[in-house]
Amino acid sequence: MRVRQDPYLQKLLEVIYRNINSRFQVFENSYKYLDAKNRDCVTFGEFSQGLQSFGIAMSPHDRRLVFAYLTDRSDTGGGNEPMALMTQDQFMKLKDEAKERNIDPSELKAFQEHLSAKAPAYE
């Protein structure tokens, strides 16, 4: 899935990137925060908890969509499939692709308000 082909995914990625970037002086340190067990990989559950702790309101479907994009896999740990794990290099796509996204700030603000309004409480 190419992010340029999916404007909704572009906006999800940008909301996450800008929120995390505003909290950490060095973006790479945010991955270390997600990888609290220091295993050099992050599960979908850890990623979801991290988004929640960053105050990013997002539906379970949207979190899975982002995680699947970053890991290049659709399996996020459900069913009998092996659980996908996200590496730091995969996580860094949030930062590396930021310049390509080029989303208008007012459009992004409206999108983030929409996400907050429709997102259920985290499981």
PDB file of N, CA and C in Angstrom:
ATOM      1  N   MET A   1       0.859  -1.178   0.000  1.00  0.00           N
ATOM      2  CA  MET A   1       0.000   0.000   0.000  1.00  0.00           C
ATOM      3  C   MET A   1       0.900   1.234   0.000  1.00  0.00           C
ATOM      4  N   ARG A   2       0.735   2.062  -0.958  1.00  0.00           N
ATOM      5  CA  ARG A   2       1.506   3.305  -1.024  1.00  0.00           C
ATOM      6  C   ARG A   2       0.705   4.411  -0.367  1.00  0.00           C
ATOM      7  N   VAL A   3       1.366   5.156   0.498  1.00  0.00           N
ATOM      8  CA  VAL A   3       0.687   6.198   1.261  1.00  0.00           C
ATOM      9  C   VAL A   3       0.146   7.300   0.358  1.00  0.00           C
ATOM     10  N   ARG A   4       0.817   7.569  -0.744  1.00  0.00           N
ATOM     11  CA  ARG A   4       0.350   8.638  -1.642  1.00  0.00           C
ATOM     12  C   ARG A   4      -1.006   8.315  -2.263  1.00  0.00           C
ATOM     13  N   GLN A   5      -1.324   7.048  -2.341  1.00  0.00           N
ATOM     14  CA  GLN A   5      -2.581   6.637  -2.955  1.00  0.00           C
ATOM     15  C   GLN A   5      -3.744   6.678  -1.968  1.00  0.00           C
ATOM     16  N   ASP A   6      -3.485   6.918  -0.699  1.00  0.00           N
ATOM     17  CA  ASP A   6      -4.528   6.888   0.314  1.00  0.00           C
ATOM     18  C   ASP A   6      -4.470   8.165   1.164  1.00  0.00           C
ATOM     19  N   PRO A   7      -5.249   9.182   0.805  1.00  0.00           N
ATOM     20  CA  PRO A   7      -5.211  10.450   1.547  1.00  0.00           C
ATOM     21  C   PRO A   7      -5.587  10.299   3.022  1.00  0.00           C
ATOM     22  N   TYR A   8      -6.499   9.366   3.320  1.00  0.00           N
ATOM     23  CA  TYR A   8      -6.892   9.143   4.713  1.00  0.00           C
ATOM     24  C   TYR A   8      -5.693   8.647   5.526  1.00  0.00           C
ATOM     25  N   LEU A   9      -4.967   7.677   4.993  1.00  0.00           N
ATOM     26  CA  LEU A   9      -3.786   7.150   5.670  1.00  0.00           C
ATOM     27  C   LEU A   9      -2.718   8.238   5.801  1.00  0.00           C
ATOM     28  N   GLN A  10      -2.543   9.056   4.784  1.00  0.00           N
ATOM     29  CA  GLN A  10      -1.580  10.158   4.861  1.00  0.00           C
ATOM     30  C   GLN A  10      -1.864  11.032   6.070  1.00  0.00           C
ATOM     31  N   LYS A  11      -3.137  11.352   6.265  1.00  0.00           N
ATOM     32  CA  LYS A  11      -3.516  12.225   7.374  1.00  0.00           C
ATOM     33  C   LYS A  11      -3.317  11.532   8.721  1.00  0.00           C
ATOM     34  N   LEU A  12      -3.629  10.243   8.793  1.00  0.00           N
ATOM     35  CA  LEU A  12      -3.387   9.506  10.034  1.00  0.00           C
ATOM     36  C   LEU A  12      -1.904   9.543  10.400  1.00  0.00           C
ATOM     37  N   LEU A  13      -1.059   9.261   9.425  1.00  0.00           N
ATOM     38  CA  LEU A  13       0.384   9.265   9.654  1.00  0.00           C
ATOM     39  C   LEU A  13       0.877  10.646  10.090  1.00  0.00           C
ATOM     40  N   GLU A  14       0.346  11.675   9.458  1.00  0.00           N
ATOM     41  CA  GLU A  14       0.783  13.032   9.781  1.00  0.00           C
ATOM     42  C   GLU A  14       0.331  13.450  11.178  1.00  0.00           C
ATOM     43  N   VAL A  15      -0.874  13.057  11.591  1.00  0.00           N
ATOM     44  CA  VAL A  15      -1.343  13.352  12.948  1.00  0.00           C
ATOM     45  C   VAL A  15      -0.400  12.716  13.965  1.00  0.00           C
ATOM     46  N   ILE A  16      -0.056  11.465  13.736  1.00  0.00           N
ATOM     47  CA  ILE A  16       0.853  10.770  14.651  1.00  0.00           C
ATOM     48  C   ILE A  16       2.216  11.428  14.651  1.00  0.00           C
ATOM     49  N   TYR A  17       2.753  11.679  13.461  1.00  0.00           N
ATOM     50  CA  TYR A  17       4.093  12.273  13.363  1.00  0.00           C
ATOM     51  C   TYR A  17       4.161  13.628  14.076  1.00  0.00           C
ATOM     52  N   ARG A  18       3.226  14.503  13.793  1.00  0.00           N
ATOM     53  CA  ARG A  18       3.284  15.843  14.390  1.00  0.00           C
ATOM     54  C   ARG A  18       3.112  15.799  15.902  1.00  0.00           C
ATOM     55  N   ASN A  19       2.222  14.939  16.372  1.00  0.00           N
ATOM     56  CA  ASN A  19       2.019  14.829  17.814  1.00  0.00           C
ATOM     57  C   ASN A  19       3.292  14.342  18.501  1.00  0.00           C
ATOM     58  N   ILE A  20       3.880  13.271  17.986  1.00  0.00           N
ATOM     59  CA  ILE A  20       5.095  12.721  18.591  1.00  0.00           C
ATOM     60  C   ILE A  20       6.248  13.704  18.450  1.00  0.00           C
ATOM     61  N   ASN A  21       6.382  14.320  17.288  1.00  0.00           N
ATOM     62  CA  ASN A  21       7.483  15.254  17.046  1.00  0.00           C
ATOM     63  C   ASN A  21       7.422  16.447  18.005  1.00  0.00           C
ATOM     64  N   SER A  22       6.221  16.849  18.397  1.00  0.00           N
ATOM     65  CA  SER A  22       6.096  17.984  19.322  1.00  0.00           C
ATOM     66  C   SER A  22       6.472  17.591  20.748  1.00  0.00           C
ATOM     67  N   ARG A  23       6.520  16.304  21.056  1.00  0.00           N
ATOM     68  CA  ARG A  23       6.807  15.840  22.413  1.00  0.00           C
ATOM     69  C   ARG A  23       8.262  15.443  22.631  1.00  0.00           C
ATOM     70  N   PHE A  24       8.981  15.146  21.573  1.00  0.00           N
ATOM     71  CA  PHE A  24      10.354  14.670  21.688  1.00  0.00           C
ATOM     72  C   PHE A  24      11.291  15.574  20.906  1.00  0.00           C
ATOM     73  N   GLN A  25      12.388  15.992  21.536  1.00  0.00           N
ATOM     74  CA  GLN A  25      13.372  16.804  20.823  1.00  0.00           C
ATOM     75  C   GLN A  25      14.039  15.990  19.713  1.00  0.00           C
ATOM     76  N   VAL A  26      14.241  14.712  19.961  1.00  0.00           N
ATOM     77  CA  VAL A  26      14.808  13.802  18.972  1.00  0.00           C
ATOM     78  C   VAL A  26      13.751  12.740  18.679  1.00  0.00           C
ATOM     79  N   PHE A  27      13.223  12.758  17.461  1.00  0.00           N
ATOM     80  CA  PHE A  27      12.107  11.878  17.104  1.00  0.00           C
ATOM     81  C   PHE A  27      12.419  10.405  17.386  1.00  0.00           C
ATOM     82  N   GLU A  28      13.639   9.986  17.137  1.00  0.00           N
ATOM     83  CA  GLU A  28      14.033   8.599  17.313  1.00  0.00           C
ATOM     84  C   GLU A  28      13.802   8.123  18.749  1.00  0.00           C
ATOM     85  N   ASN A  29      13.879   9.032  19.728  1.00  0.00           N
ATOM     86  CA  ASN A  29      13.677   8.654  21.125  1.00  0.00           C
ATOM     87  C   ASN A  29      12.248   8.199  21.400  1.00  0.00           C
ATOM     88  N   SER A  30      11.310   8.619  20.578  1.00  0.00           N
ATOM     89  CA  SER A  30       9.927   8.200  20.784  1.00  0.00           C
ATOM     90  C   SER A  30       9.773   6.692  20.578  1.00  0.00           C
ATOM     91  N   TYR A  31      10.574   6.111  19.704  1.00  0.00           N
ATOM     92  CA  TYR A  31      10.518   4.665  19.517  1.00  0.00           C
ATOM     93  C   TYR A  31      10.982   3.952  20.781  1.00  0.00           C
ATOM     94  N   LYS A  32      12.025   4.469  21.402  1.00  0.00           N
ATOM     95  CA  LYS A  32      12.518   3.870  22.636  1.00  0.00           C
ATOM     96  C   LYS A  32      11.446   3.919  23.724  1.00  0.00           C
ATOM     97  N   TYR A  33      10.637   4.960  23.702  1.00  0.00           N
ATOM     98  CA  TYR A  33       9.525   5.066  24.641  1.00  0.00           C
ATOM     99  C   TYR A  33       8.503   3.955  24.377  1.00  0.00           C
ATOM    100  N   LEU A  34       8.207   3.693  23.117  1.00  0.00           N
ATOM    101  CA  LEU A  34       7.265   2.623  22.769  1.00  0.00           C
ATOM    102  C   LEU A  34       7.835   1.245  23.101  1.00  0.00           C
ATOM    103  N   ASP A  35       9.136   1.095  22.931  1.00  0.00           N
ATOM    104  CA  ASP A  35       9.820  -0.181  23.168  1.00  0.00           C
ATOM    105  C   ASP A  35      10.281  -0.245  24.629  1.00  0.00           C
ATOM    106  N   ALA A  36       9.325  -0.173  25.547  1.00  0.00           N
ATOM    107  CA  ALA A  36       9.640  -0.114  26.978  1.00  0.00           C
ATOM    108  C   ALA A  36      10.374  -1.367  27.465  1.00  0.00           C
ATOM    109  N   LYS A  37      10.157  -2.506  26.799  1.00  0.00           N
ATOM    110  CA  LYS A  37      10.814  -3.754  27.205  1.00  0.00           C
ATOM    111  C   LYS A  37      12.205  -3.892  26.591  1.00  0.00           C
ATOM    112  N   ASN A  38      12.597  -2.913  25.786  1.00  0.00           N
ATOM    113  CA  ASN A  38      13.925  -2.870  25.172  1.00  0.00           C
ATOM    114  C   ASN A  38      14.245  -4.140  24.381  1.00  0.00           C
ATOM    115  N   ARG A  39      13.299  -4.544  23.507  1.00  0.00           N
ATOM    116  CA  ARG A  39      13.470  -5.745  22.686  1.00  0.00           C
ATOM    117  C   ARG A  39      13.818  -5.419  21.243  1.00  0.00           C
ATOM    118  N   ASP A  40      13.915  -4.152  20.915  1.00  0.00           N
ATOM    119  CA  ASP A  40      14.169  -3.716  19.536  1.00  0.00           C
ATOM    120  C   ASP A  40      13.024  -4.048  18.592  1.00  0.00           C
ATOM    121  N   CYS A  41      11.821  -4.187  19.137  1.00  0.00           N
ATOM    122  CA  CYS A  41      10.617  -4.364  18.335  1.00  0.00           C
ATOM    123  C   CYS A  41       9.410  -3.974  19.187  1.00  0.00           C
ATOM    124  N   VAL A  42       8.336  -3.597  18.514  1.00  0.00           N
ATOM    125  CA  VAL A  42       7.124  -3.135  19.188  1.00  0.00           C
ATOM    126  C   VAL A  42       5.937  -3.915  18.634  1.00  0.00           C
ATOM    127  N   THR A  43       5.106  -4.434  19.520  1.00  0.00           N
ATOM    128  CA  THR A  43       3.900  -5.139  19.107  1.00  0.00           C
ATOM    129  C   THR A  43       2.799  -4.120  18.798  1.00  0.00           C
ATOM    130  N   PHE A  44       1.728  -4.602  18.191  1.00  0.00           N
ATOM    131  CA  PHE A  44       0.578  -3.732  17.944  1.00  0.00           C
ATOM    132  C   PHE A  44       0.022  -3.187  19.259  1.00  0.00           C
ATOM    133  N   GLY A  45      -0.046  -4.026  20.285  1.00  0.00           N
ATOM    134  CA  GLY A  45      -0.543  -3.583  21.583  1.00  0.00           C
ATOM    135  C   GLY A  45       0.303  -2.471  22.173  1.00  0.00           C
ATOM    136  N   GLU A  46       1.619  -2.612  22.078  1.00  0.00           N
ATOM    137  CA  GLU A  46       2.521  -1.566  22.588  1.00  0.00           C
ATOM    138  C   GLU A  46       2.371  -0.280  21.778  1.00  0.00           C
ATOM    139  N   PHE A  47       2.216  -0.425  20.482  1.00  0.00           N
ATOM    140  CA  PHE A  47       2.013   0.739  19.615  1.00  0.00           C
ATOM    141  C   PHE A  47       0.723   1.455  20.007  1.00  0.00           C
ATOM    142  N   SER A  48      -0.349   0.692  20.208  1.00  0.00           N
ATOM    143  CA  SER A  48      -1.634   1.275  20.600  1.00  0.00           C
ATOM    144  C   SER A  48      -1.536   1.984  21.940  1.00  0.00           C
ATOM    145  N   GLN A  49      -0.876   1.350  22.902  1.00  0.00           N
ATOM    146  CA  GLN A  49      -0.697   1.978  24.214  1.00  0.00           C
ATOM    147  C   GLN A  49       0.118   3.258  24.100  1.00  0.00           C
ATOM    148  N   GLY A  50       1.121   3.233  23.236  1.00  0.00           N
ATOM    149  CA  GLY A  50       1.937   4.425  23.028  1.00  0.00           C
ATOM    150  C   GLY A  50       1.122   5.572  22.454  1.00  0.00           C
ATOM    151  N   LEU A  51       0.281   5.274  21.461  1.00  0.00           N
ATOM    152  CA  LEU A  51      -0.571   6.317  20.891  1.00  0.00           C
ATOM    153  C   LEU A  51      -1.477   6.902  21.969  1.00  0.00           C
ATOM    154  N   GLN A  52      -2.032   6.040  22.793  1.00  0.00           N
ATOM    155  CA  GLN A  52      -2.900   6.501  23.872  1.00  0.00           C
ATOM    156  C   GLN A  52      -2.124   7.400  24.830  1.00  0.00           C
ATOM    157  N   SER A  53      -0.923   6.996  25.204  1.00  0.00           N
ATOM    158  CA  SER A  53      -0.144   7.803  26.146  1.00  0.00           C
ATOM    159  C   SER A  53       0.284   9.137  25.532  1.00  0.00           C
ATOM    160  N   PHE A  54       0.373   9.192  24.217  1.00  0.00           N
ATOM    161  CA  PHE A  54       0.684  10.454  23.533  1.00  0.00           C
ATOM    162  C   PHE A  54      -0.563  11.317  23.361  1.00  0.00           C
ATOM    163  N   GLY A  55      -1.725  10.782  23.748  1.00  0.00           N
ATOM    164  CA  GLY A  55      -2.974  11.534  23.636  1.00  0.00           C
ATOM    165  C   GLY A  55      -3.545  11.554  22.228  1.00  0.00           C
ATOM    166  N   ILE A  56      -3.187  10.555  21.428  1.00  0.00           N
ATOM    167  CA  ILE A  56      -3.666  10.479  20.051  1.00  0.00           C
ATOM    168  C   ILE A  56      -4.915   9.604  20.015  1.00  0.00           C
ATOM    169  N   ALA A  57      -6.062  10.220  19.782  1.00  0.00           N
ATOM    170  CA  ALA A  57      -7.328   9.494  19.723  1.00  0.00           C
ATOM    171  C   ALA A  57      -7.499   8.895  18.338  1.00  0.00           C
ATOM    172  N   MET A  58      -7.657   7.569  18.292  1.00  0.00           N
ATOM    173  CA  MET A  58      -7.754   6.891  17.010  1.00  0.00           C
ATOM    174  C   MET A  58      -8.523   5.587  17.204  1.00  0.00           C
ATOM    175  N   SER A  59      -9.369   5.260  16.263  1.00  0.00           N
ATOM    176  CA  SER A  59     -10.140   4.021  16.358  1.00  0.00           C
ATOM    177  C   SER A  59      -9.208   2.812  16.229  1.00  0.00           C
ATOM    178  N   PRO A  60      -9.642   1.653  16.732  1.00  0.00           N
ATOM    179  CA  PRO A  60      -8.832   0.439  16.560  1.00  0.00           C
ATOM    180  C   PRO A  60      -8.531   0.147  15.086  1.00  0.00           C
ATOM    181  N   HIS A  61      -9.516   0.380  14.219  1.00  0.00           N
ATOM    182  CA  HIS A  61      -9.301   0.162  12.785  1.00  0.00           C
ATOM    183  C   HIS A  61      -8.188   1.073  12.263  1.00  0.00           C
ATOM    184  N   ASP A  62      -8.210   2.340  12.648  1.00  0.00           N
ATOM    185  CA  ASP A  62      -7.194   3.284  12.180  1.00  0.00           C
ATOM    186  C   ASP A  62      -5.810   2.928  12.726  1.00  0.00           C
ATOM    187  N   ARG A  63      -5.744   2.496  13.986  1.00  0.00           N
ATOM    188  CA  ARG A  63      -4.448   2.081  14.554  1.00  0.00           C
ATOM    189  C   ARG A  63      -3.903   0.878  13.796  1.00  0.00           C
ATOM    190  N   ARG A  64      -4.791  -0.069  13.463  1.00  0.00           N
ATOM    191  CA  ARG A  64      -4.355  -1.247  12.692  1.00  0.00           C
ATOM    192  C   ARG A  64      -3.899  -0.860  11.286  1.00  0.00           C
ATOM    193  N   LEU A  65      -4.601   0.088  10.689  1.00  0.00           N
ATOM    194  CA  LEU A  65      -4.239   0.557   9.351  1.00  0.00           C
ATOM    195  C   LEU A  65      -2.829   1.160   9.354  1.00  0.00           C
ATOM    196  N   VAL A  66      -2.545   1.994  10.328  1.00  0.00           N
ATOM    197  CA  VAL A  66      -1.223   2.623  10.437  1.00  0.00           C
ATOM    198  C   VAL A  66      -0.159   1.570  10.725  1.00  0.00           C
ATOM    199  N   PHE A  67      -0.426   0.690  11.682  1.00  0.00           N
ATOM    200  CA  PHE A  67       0.557  -0.335  12.046  1.00  0.00           C
ATOM    201  C   PHE A  67       0.852  -1.240  10.856  1.00  0.00           C
ATOM    202  N   ALA A  68      -0.190  -1.637  10.137  1.00  0.00           N
ATOM    203  CA  ALA A  68      -0.003  -2.489   8.953  1.00  0.00           C
ATOM    204  C   ALA A  68       0.831  -1.775   7.896  1.00  0.00           C
ATOM    205  N   TYR A  69       0.591  -0.480   7.717  1.00  0.00           N
ATOM    206  CA  TYR A  69       1.379   0.273   6.742  1.00  0.00           C
ATOM    207  C   TYR A  69       2.850   0.333   7.159  1.00  0.00           C
ATOM    208  N   LEU A  70       3.087   0.673   8.419  1.00  0.00           N
ATOM    209  CA  LEU A  70       4.470   0.830   8.883  1.00  0.00           C
ATOM    210  C   LEU A  70       5.240  -0.486   8.844  1.00  0.00           C
ATOM    211  N   THR A  71       4.566  -1.589   9.130  1.00  0.00           N
ATOM    212  CA  THR A  71       5.241  -2.893   9.159  1.00  0.00           C
ATOM    213  C   THR A  71       5.181  -3.631   7.829  1.00  0.00           C
ATOM    214  N   ASP A  72       4.463  -3.071   6.864  1.00  0.00           N
ATOM    215  CA  ASP A  72       4.286  -3.721   5.557  1.00  0.00           C
ATOM    216  C   ASP A  72       3.610  -5.085   5.697  1.00  0.00           C
ATOM    217  N   ARG A  73       2.767  -5.212   6.721  1.00  0.00           N
ATOM    218  CA  ARG A  73       2.058  -6.476   6.945  1.00  0.00           C
ATOM    219  C   ARG A  73       0.635  -6.183   7.377  1.00  0.00           C
ATOM    220  N   SER A  74      -0.272  -7.071   7.048  1.00  0.00           N
ATOM    221  CA  SER A  74      -1.665  -6.872   7.446  1.00  0.00           C
ATOM    222  C   SER A  74      -1.998  -7.577   8.752  1.00  0.00           C
ATOM    223  N   ASP A  75      -1.165  -8.534   9.174  1.00  0.00           N
ATOM    224  CA  ASP A  75      -1.452  -9.262  10.420  1.00  0.00           C
ATOM    225  C   ASP A  75      -0.892  -8.491  11.606  1.00  0.00           C
ATOM    226  N   THR A  76      -1.763  -8.159  12.545  1.00  0.00           N
ATOM    227  CA  THR A  76      -1.340  -7.387  13.706  1.00  0.00           C
ATOM    228  C   THR A  76      -1.500  -8.186  14.993  1.00  0.00           C
ATOM    229  N   GLY A  77      -1.630  -9.495  14.859  1.00  0.00           N
ATOM    230  CA  GLY A  77      -1.689 -10.336  16.035  1.00  0.00           C
ATOM    231  C   GLY A  77      -3.024 -11.004  16.269  1.00  0.00           C
ATOM    232  N   GLY A  78      -3.953 -10.869  15.359  1.00  0.00           N
ATOM    233  CA  GLY A  78      -5.253 -11.511  15.534  1.00  0.00           C
ATOM    234  C   GLY A  78      -5.294 -12.865  14.868  1.00  0.00           C
ATOM    235  N   GLY A  79      -6.168 -13.725  15.326  1.00  0.00           N
ATOM    236  CA  GLY A  79      -6.342 -15.036  14.694  1.00  0.00           C
ATOM    237  C   GLY A  79      -5.144 -15.939  14.901  1.00  0.00           C
ATOM    238  N   ASN A  80      -4.895 -16.803  13.939  1.00  0.00           N
ATOM    239  CA  ASN A  80      -3.802 -17.766  14.043  1.00  0.00           C
ATOM    240  C   ASN A  80      -2.524 -17.306  13.341  1.00  0.00           C
ATOM    241  N   GLU A  81      -2.531 -16.096  12.824  1.00  0.00           N
ATOM    242  CA  GLU A  81      -1.362 -15.611  12.112  1.00  0.00           C
ATOM    243  C   GLU A  81      -0.295 -15.149  13.102  1.00  0.00           C
ATOM    244  N   PRO A  82       0.983 -15.245  12.730  1.00  0.00           N
ATOM    245  CA  PRO A  82       2.027 -14.741  13.620  1.00  0.00           C
ATOM    246  C   PRO A  82       1.899 -13.226  13.771  1.00  0.00           C
ATOM    247  N   MET A  83       2.237 -12.742  14.937  1.00  0.00           N
ATOM    248  CA  MET A  83       2.079 -11.323  15.217  1.00  0.00           C
ATOM    249  C   MET A  83       3.186 -10.507  14.549  1.00  0.00           C
ATOM    250  N   ALA A  84       2.780  -9.437  13.889  1.00  0.00           N
ATOM    251  CA  ALA A  84       3.749  -8.525  13.282  1.00  0.00           C
ATOM    252  C   ALA A  84       4.439  -7.731  14.389  1.00  0.00           C
ATOM    253  N   LEU A  85       5.704  -7.476  14.195  1.00  0.00           N
ATOM    254  CA  LEU A  85       6.475  -6.643  15.107  1.00  0.00           C
ATOM    255  C   LEU A  85       7.047  -5.475  14.315  1.00  0.00           C
ATOM    256  N   MET A  86       7.043  -4.303  14.909  1.00  0.00           N
ATOM    257  CA  MET A  86       7.537  -3.113  14.223  1.00  0.00           C
ATOM    258  C   MET A  86       8.943  -2.790  14.722  1.00  0.00           C
ATOM    259  N   THR A  87       9.851  -2.624  13.775  1.00  0.00           N
ATOM    260  CA  THR A  87      11.221  -2.237  14.101  1.00  0.00           C
ATOM    261  C   THR A  87      11.350  -0.714  14.105  1.00  0.00           C
ATOM    262  N   GLN A  88      12.468  -0.229  14.601  1.00  0.00           N
ATOM    263  CA  GLN A  88      12.683   1.215  14.607  1.00  0.00           C
ATOM    264  C   GLN A  88      12.753   1.762  13.183  1.00  0.00           C
ATOM    265  N   ASP A  89      13.376   1.036  12.276  1.00  0.00           N
ATOM    266  CA  ASP A  89      13.440   1.497  10.884  1.00  0.00           C
ATOM    267  C   ASP A  89      12.043   1.650  10.288  1.00  0.00           C
ATOM    268  N   GLN A  90      11.159   0.707  10.590  1.00  0.00           N
ATOM    269  CA  GLN A  90       9.786   0.808  10.097  1.00  0.00           C
ATOM    270  C   GLN A  90       9.066   2.000  10.725  1.00  0.00           C
ATOM    271  N   PHE A  91       9.247   2.194  12.015  1.00  0.00           N
ATOM    272  CA  PHE A  91       8.627   3.318  12.720  1.00  0.00           C
ATOM    273  C   PHE A  91       9.099   4.657  12.150  1.00  0.00           C
ATOM    274  N   MET A  92      10.352   4.701  11.735  1.00  0.00           N
ATOM    275  CA  MET A  92      10.927   5.944  11.232  1.00  0.00           C
ATOM    276  C   MET A  92      10.312   6.392   9.902  1.00  0.00           C
ATOM    277  N   LYS A  93       9.503   5.534   9.268  1.00  0.00           N
ATOM    278  CA  LYS A  93       8.785   5.965   8.062  1.00  0.00           C
ATOM    279  C   LYS A  93       7.897   7.165   8.373  1.00  0.00           C
ATOM    280  N   LEU A  94       7.414   7.258   9.629  1.00  0.00           N
ATOM    281  CA  LEU A  94       6.602   8.410  10.025  1.00  0.00           C
ATOM    282  C   LEU A  94       7.356   9.709   9.765  1.00  0.00           C
ATOM    283  N   LYS A  95       8.619   9.723  10.134  1.00  0.00           N
ATOM    284  CA  LYS A  95       9.446  10.923   9.960  1.00  0.00           C
ATOM    285  C   LYS A  95       9.964  11.034   8.527  1.00  0.00           C
ATOM    286  N   ASP A  96      10.450   9.927   7.990  1.00  0.00           N
ATOM    287  CA  ASP A  96      11.091   9.946   6.675  1.00  0.00           C
ATOM    288  C   ASP A  96      10.143  10.378   5.555  1.00  0.00           C
ATOM    289  N   GLU A  97       8.870  10.067   5.692  1.00  0.00           N
ATOM    290  CA  GLU A  97       7.903  10.394   4.643  1.00  0.00           C
ATOM    291  C   GLU A  97       7.145  11.692   4.916  1.00  0.00           C
ATOM    292  N   ALA A  98       7.473  12.377   6.005  1.00  0.00           N
ATOM    293  CA  ALA A  98       6.726  13.588   6.395  1.00  0.00           C
ATOM    294  C   ALA A  98       6.756  14.656   5.307  1.00  0.00           C
ATOM    295  N   LYS A  99       7.900  14.848   4.672  1.00  0.00           N
ATOM    296  CA  LYS A  99       8.006  15.878   3.636  1.00  0.00           C
ATOM    297  C   LYS A  99       7.128  15.558   2.427  1.00  0.00           C
ATOM    298  N   GLU A 100       6.970  14.276   2.138  1.00  0.00           N
ATOM    299  CA  GLU A 100       6.148  13.863   0.995  1.00  0.00           C
ATOM    300  C   GLU A 100       4.665  14.116   1.236  1.00  0.00           C
ATOM    301  N   ARG A 101       4.250  14.048   2.495  1.00  0.00           N
ATOM    302  CA  ARG A 101       2.817  14.170   2.794  1.00  0.00           C
ATOM    303  C   ARG A 101       2.309  15.578   2.527  1.00  0.00           C
ATOM    304  N   ASN A 102       3.008  16.613   2.986  1.00  0.00           N
ATOM    305  CA  ASN A 102       2.683  18.011   2.672  1.00  0.00           C
ATOM    306  C   ASN A 102       1.188  18.322   2.816  1.00  0.00           C
ATOM    307  N   ILE A 103       0.653  18.131   4.017  1.00  0.00           N
ATOM    308  CA  ILE A 103      -0.769  18.341   4.278  1.00  0.00           C
ATOM    309  C   ILE A 103      -0.977  19.717   4.901  1.00  0.00           C
ATOM    310  N   ASP A 104      -1.976  20.427   4.418  1.00  0.00           N
ATOM    311  CA  ASP A 104      -2.305  21.756   4.912  1.00  0.00           C
ATOM    312  C   ASP A 104      -2.629  21.681   6.410  1.00  0.00           C
ATOM    313  N   PRO A 105      -2.028  22.536   7.242  1.00  0.00           N
ATOM    314  CA  PRO A 105      -2.253  22.481   8.698  1.00  0.00           C
ATOM    315  C   PRO A 105      -3.715  22.641   9.112  1.00  0.00           C
ATOM    316  N   SER A 106      -4.467  23.499   8.438  1.00  0.00           N
ATOM    317  CA  SER A 106      -5.869  23.676   8.819  1.00  0.00           C
ATOM    318  C   SER A 106      -6.689  22.428   8.458  1.00  0.00           C
ATOM    319  N   GLU A 107      -6.355  21.809   7.342  1.00  0.00           N
ATOM    320  CA  GLU A 107      -7.025  20.563   6.954  1.00  0.00           C
ATOM    321  C   GLU A 107      -6.697  19.457   7.959  1.00  0.00           C
ATOM    322  N   LEU A 108      -5.451  19.423   8.407  1.00  0.00           N
ATOM    323  CA  LEU A 108      -5.038  18.413   9.371  1.00  0.00           C
ATOM    324  C   LEU A 108      -5.713  18.628  10.725  1.00  0.00           C
ATOM    325  N   LYS A 109      -5.870  19.874  11.133  1.00  0.00           N
ATOM    326  CA  LYS A 109      -6.535  20.173  12.403  1.00  0.00           C
ATOM    327  C   LYS A 109      -7.988  19.696  12.365  1.00  0.00           C
ATOM    328  N   ALA A 110      -8.679  19.972  11.285  1.00  0.00           N
ATOM    329  CA  ALA A 110     -10.064  19.523  11.145  1.00  0.00           C
ATOM    330  C   ALA A 110     -10.135  17.994  11.158  1.00  0.00           C
ATOM    331  N   PHE A 111      -9.179  17.353  10.512  1.00  0.00           N
ATOM    332  CA  PHE A 111      -9.132  15.892  10.476  1.00  0.00           C
ATOM    333  C   PHE A 111      -8.910  15.336  11.873  1.00  0.00           C
ATOM    334  N   GLN A 112      -7.997  15.944  12.629  1.00  0.00           N
ATOM    335  CA  GLN A 112      -7.706  15.470  13.982  1.00  0.00           C
ATOM    336  C   GLN A 112      -8.927  15.638  14.895  1.00  0.00           C
ATOM    337  N   GLU A 113      -9.659  16.722  14.736  1.00  0.00           N
ATOM    338  CA  GLU A 113     -10.888  16.920  15.510  1.00  0.00           C
ATOM    339  C   GLU A 113     -11.912  15.838  15.157  1.00  0.00           C
ATOM    340  N   HIS A 114     -12.000  15.508  13.878  1.00  0.00           N
ATOM    341  CA  HIS A 114     -12.891  14.433  13.429  1.00  0.00           C
ATOM    342  C   HIS A 114     -12.488  13.100  14.059  1.00  0.00           C
ATOM    343  N   LEU A 115     -11.191  12.804  14.097  1.00  0.00           N
ATOM    344  CA  LEU A 115     -10.718  11.566  14.699  1.00  0.00           C
ATOM    345  C   LEU A 115     -11.071  11.499  16.177  1.00  0.00           C
ATOM    346  N   SER A 116     -10.849  12.589  16.877  1.00  0.00           N
ATOM    347  CA  SER A 116     -11.128  12.629  18.315  1.00  0.00           C
ATOM    348  C   SER A 116     -12.609  12.398  18.604  1.00  0.00           C
ATOM    349  N   ALA A 117     -13.454  12.946  17.754  1.00  0.00           N
ATOM    350  CA  ALA A 117     -14.899  12.824  17.956  1.00  0.00           C
ATOM    351  C   ALA A 117     -15.400  11.401  17.711  1.00  0.00           C
ATOM    352  N   LYS A 118     -14.775  10.687  16.762  1.00  0.00           N
ATOM    353  CA  LYS A 118     -15.285   9.364  16.418  1.00  0.00           C
ATOM    354  C   LYS A 118     -14.546   8.224  17.096  1.00  0.00           C
ATOM    355  N   ALA A 119     -13.413   8.513  17.725  1.00  0.00           N
ATOM    356  CA  ALA A 119     -12.610   7.446  18.316  1.00  0.00           C
ATOM    357  C   ALA A 119     -13.211   6.957  19.630  1.00  0.00           C
ATOM    358  N   PRO A 120     -13.395   5.649  19.749  1.00  0.00           N
ATOM    359  CA  PRO A 120     -13.886   5.104  21.017  1.00  0.00           C
ATOM    360  C   PRO A 120     -12.760   5.078  22.044  1.00  0.00           C
ATOM    361  N   ALA A 121     -13.104   4.796  23.262  1.00  0.00           N
ATOM    362  CA  ALA A 121     -12.078   4.650  24.297  1.00  0.00           C
ATOM    363  C   ALA A 121     -11.182   3.482  23.925  1.00  0.00           C
ATOM    364  N   TYR A 122      -9.935   3.549  24.338  1.00  0.00           N
ATOM    365  CA  TYR A 122      -8.994   2.474  24.051  1.00  0.00           C
ATOM    366  C   TYR A 122      -9.392   1.222  24.825  1.00  0.00           C
ATOM    367  N   GLU A 123      -9.177   0.065  24.173  1.00  0.00           N
ATOM    368  CA  GLU A 123      -9.483  -1.189  24.846  1.00  0.00           C
ATOM    369  C   GLU A 123      -8.445  -1.481  25.888  1.00  0.00           C
TER     370      GLU A 123
END
